[in-house]
């Protein structure tokens, strides 16, 4: 599944297998071996892409920026201090990770949070991801657009008019954009997922590919499955190798087992969904024959008798004249004697 082609294509009402992005973020914690392990497990679990985050704390957050996550899970109360823990990877490291992704056959993505990272990532990616936190960042969005590559834009914590404005900036540059419904809350309670907002995005952006970026606890992966049923064509979910680890993006992330469960659920879902064209399947042939009805004589009908409505009814099976032809039969004449409860055939009548 090619992500660039997917975003470039006009949105269809067709129910589609989603493009799955395992959001590793900075769950590698600055360790190249762990980063490669995340790539391996995302690939094995069935993700189409793995996505990292590229930033420097000094360009991302001021030193007095407060936390917006669950501090009982991630006790760091300053964004700057938290980001400083995980901003060790830069161009050289992401080059290595990109090559490793290519080797395994999984797409490489990383969300840039500044101009410098956007510049070097443009050499590694065919598609850019813009975080919800940058949806009002007009100069940065225009810079991303300057590369002329499709964009995935998350819409967490946004009003509709803010999304519309950001889309206008991107459209003005003739760059394709896909929108992801997102609740920017860590973790997002299931009852706050508001997957109905996917429908609002579909209504207001009918030509855009709509997806979902998730921050709920993985549990049985039903939130993601439901998002697909709502029409999400791109699914993004935080990914880790160990959900028990402390830190902001481990406890609400899926792991390889969750990813496999999700793909297993999707396989069954699409098996159940089946065809989008209505027709009787092969297994219904016997039902069409035996459960539908035919026109049947209510009483004995003598040869040459003109048929009137009181002479016929309808009963199973459908081996004779269909009740849909009831009006056509009225007024015709019996070609032979017909017994009560006989299933009527066109060969029994003449005009």
Foldseek 3Di string as FASTA:
>chain_A
DDPQVVLVAFDDPDQDDAQEEAEQAQLCQLPLVQLLVLLVLCVVLPHQAYEYAADQLVVQDDQAAADQADCVQVVDGGPSVQRNRRNNDALVSLVVSLVSCVVSNHQYHYAYRDLVRLVSCLVRDQEHEYELVCLQVLVVLLSNCVSQHEYEYENEPHDPVSNVVSVVSNVVSVHRYAYAYEHPYAAQEPVRSPLVVQVVCCVVPVGGQYAYEHRHALVQVVSRVVNSVVPHRYYYFHEHCALPDGDRRRVRGDYSVSSNSNVVVVVVVCVVVPDPDDDDDPVCPVCLFWVAKAKFAQAKAAFFDQDDPVGIDIDTDHPAHHVVCVVVRHGWTARHIDGGGDRHHPVRTDD
